[in-house]
C-alpha cells in the first residue's frame, strides 16, 4: 500500500524527486537537515529550501506543495494542515461554548469564533 506522499510524488515524478530519510536509521542526515520532528517535509529547488512543514499532510495539501515545487513557485505559507485546522476549530468551539455558558461572555465567544475562523480559513487556502 502506497502512502499519500508516495502517490503525490509519483504524479510529479517528471519534475520532483522524493527522498525519504528515516531519522531513526540516518540521524546524521536528519541532523544536517535540522529535522527536529517527524514527519518533516522539506521542499528544495535549485539548492534552496522553498518550504518546511512539520506534521502529516493530506493528499490535497501534498499536491499543492508538489505543484508549487515543480513550477518553481512558493506554496502558501499561511496554509494550515488539516490536523492543525481541526485543533484550532475545536479549541475555538470550546472557547465560544465556554463564553456562552459563562453568563453570555461575548468577548470570550468572539475570541472563540476568531480562533475557529483562523483555523478554518487557513485550511481552505490550502485546498484551492
Protein backbone atom coordinates (compact mmCIF):
# COMPACT_ATOMS: atom_id res chain seq x y z
CA UNK A 1 0.00 0.00 0.00
CA UNK A 2 1.47 3.35 -1.07
CA UNK A 3 1.44 6.35 1.21
CA UNK A 4 -0.22 9.64 0.25
CA UNK A 5 3.27 11.13 -0.03
CA UNK A 6 4.45 8.44 -2.46
CA UNK A 7 1.29 8.85 -4.57
CA UNK A 8 1.76 12.63 -4.79
CA UNK A 9 5.45 12.21 -5.62
CA UNK A 10 4.54 9.74 -8.37
CA UNK A 11 2.25 12.33 -10.00
CA UNK A 12 5.14 14.80 -10.17
CA UNK A 13 7.90 12.25 -10.87
CA UNK A 14 8.99 14.13 -14.02
CA UNK A 15 9.74 17.33 -12.12
CA UNK A 16 10.15 16.45 -8.43
CA UNK A 17 12.35 13.86 -6.72
CA UNK A 18 11.21 12.41 -3.41
CA UNK A 19 13.92 11.44 -0.94
CA UNK A 20 12.81 9.90 2.35
CA UNK A 21 15.17 9.98 5.32
CA UNK A 22 14.41 7.70 8.25
CA UNK A 23 15.51 9.66 11.31
CA UNK A 24 15.99 6.51 13.36
CA UNK A 25 18.32 4.98 10.76
CA UNK A 26 20.10 8.07 9.40
CA UNK A 27 20.35 10.50 12.30
CA UNK A 28 23.31 12.34 10.76
CA UNK A 29 21.37 13.34 7.61
CA UNK A 30 18.34 14.31 9.68
CA UNK A 31 20.57 16.42 11.89
CA UNK A 32 22.17 18.10 8.85
CA UNK A 33 18.69 18.92 7.53
CA UNK A 34 17.68 20.18 11.01
CA UNK A 35 14.67 17.85 11.02
CA UNK A 36 13.66 18.19 14.66
CA UNK A 37 10.29 16.44 14.44
CA UNK A 38 8.74 13.68 12.39
CA UNK A 39 7.41 13.85 9.85
CA UNK A 40 9.17 16.89 8.41
CA UNK A 41 8.59 17.70 4.75
CA UNK A 42 11.27 19.92 3.20
CA UNK A 43 10.92 21.20 -0.36
CA UNK A 44 14.18 22.11 -2.09
CA UNK A 45 14.52 23.58 -5.58
CA UNK A 46 17.77 24.67 -7.20
CA UNK A 47 19.59 24.05 -3.92
CA UNK A 48 17.34 26.45 -2.00
CA UNK A 49 14.83 25.43 0.66
CA UNK A 50 11.38 26.56 -0.52
CA UNK A 51 9.25 25.22 2.31
CA UNK A 52 9.36 23.22 5.53
CA UNK A 53 6.30 21.71 7.12
CA UNK A 54 6.06 19.53 10.19
CA UNK A 55 3.23 17.07 10.55
CA UNK A 56 1.20 14.83 8.30
CA UNK A 57 -0.38 16.37 5.20
CA UNK A 58 -3.50 15.19 3.40
CA UNK A 59 -3.39 14.38 -0.36
CA UNK A 60 -4.74 17.79 -1.46
CA UNK A 61 -2.08 19.59 0.56
CA UNK A 62 0.66 17.36 -0.81
CA UNK A 63 -0.49 18.02 -4.38
CA UNK A 64 -0.42 21.76 -3.68
CA UNK A 65 3.13 21.55 -2.27
CA UNK A 66 4.49 19.35 -5.08
CA UNK A 67 2.85 21.53 -7.74
CA UNK A 68 4.44 24.65 -6.25
CA UNK A 69 7.82 22.93 -6.11
CA UNK A 70 7.52 21.61 -9.69
CA UNK A 71 6.72 25.04 -11.13
CA UNK A 72 9.25 26.93 -9.06
CA UNK A 73 6.54 28.77 -7.15
CA UNK A 74 6.17 29.07 -3.43
CA UNK A 75 3.40 27.34 -1.52
CA UNK A 76 1.09 29.44 0.57
CA UNK A 77 2.91 29.80 3.89
CA UNK A 78 -0.33 30.70 5.62
CA UNK A 79 -1.83 27.37 4.65
CA UNK A 80 -2.74 25.17 7.59
CA UNK A 81 -2.67 21.38 7.74
CA UNK A 82 -5.92 19.53 8.38
CA UNK A 83 -4.89 18.41 11.86
CA UNK A 84 -3.86 21.94 12.84
CA UNK A 85 -7.12 23.31 11.46
CA UNK A 86 -9.17 20.78 13.41
CA UNK A 87 -7.32 21.64 16.61
CA UNK A 88 -7.92 25.36 16.07
CA UNK A 89 -11.57 24.78 15.14
CA UNK A 90 -12.11 22.56 18.19
CA UNK A 91 -10.35 24.96 20.54
CA UNK A 92 -12.32 27.87 19.12
CA UNK A 93 -15.59 26.00 19.57
CA UNK A 94 -14.71 25.14 23.18
CA UNK A 95 -13.83 28.75 23.99
CA UNK A 96 -17.04 30.00 22.34
CA UNK A 97 -19.19 27.48 24.24
CA UNK A 98 -17.40 28.38 27.47
CA UNK A 99 -18.22 32.03 26.77
CA UNK A 100 -21.89 31.18 26.22
CA UNK A 101 -22.02 29.13 29.40
CA UNK A 102 -20.22 31.82 31.46
CA UNK A 103 -23.21 34.14 31.66
CA UNK A 104 -23.00 35.03 27.98
CA UNK A 105 -19.45 36.39 27.99
CA UNK A 106 -19.48 37.87 24.49
CA UNK A 107 -15.76 38.75 24.41
CA UNK A 108 -14.97 35.08 25.09
CA UNK A 109 -17.43 33.98 22.40
CA UNK A 110 -15.81 36.35 19.89
CA UNK A 111 -12.31 35.08 20.72
CA UNK A 112 -13.54 31.51 20.22
CA UNK A 113 -15.12 32.33 16.88
CA UNK A 114 -11.98 34.14 15.70
CA UNK A 115 -9.82 31.16 16.69
CA UNK A 116 -12.11 28.78 14.81
CA UNK A 117 -12.10 31.01 11.72
CA UNK A 118 -8.30 31.28 11.86
CA UNK A 119 -8.01 27.50 11.52
CA UNK A 120 -10.82 27.08 9.01
CA UNK A 121 -9.75 29.78 6.58
CA UNK A 122 -6.10 28.74 6.77
CA UNK A 123 -7.04 25.22 5.79
CA UNK A 124 -9.32 26.38 2.99
CA UNK A 125 -6.42 28.35 1.50
CA UNK A 126 -4.51 25.08 1.22
CA UNK A 127 -7.32 23.40 -0.66
CA UNK A 128 -7.61 25.90 -3.54
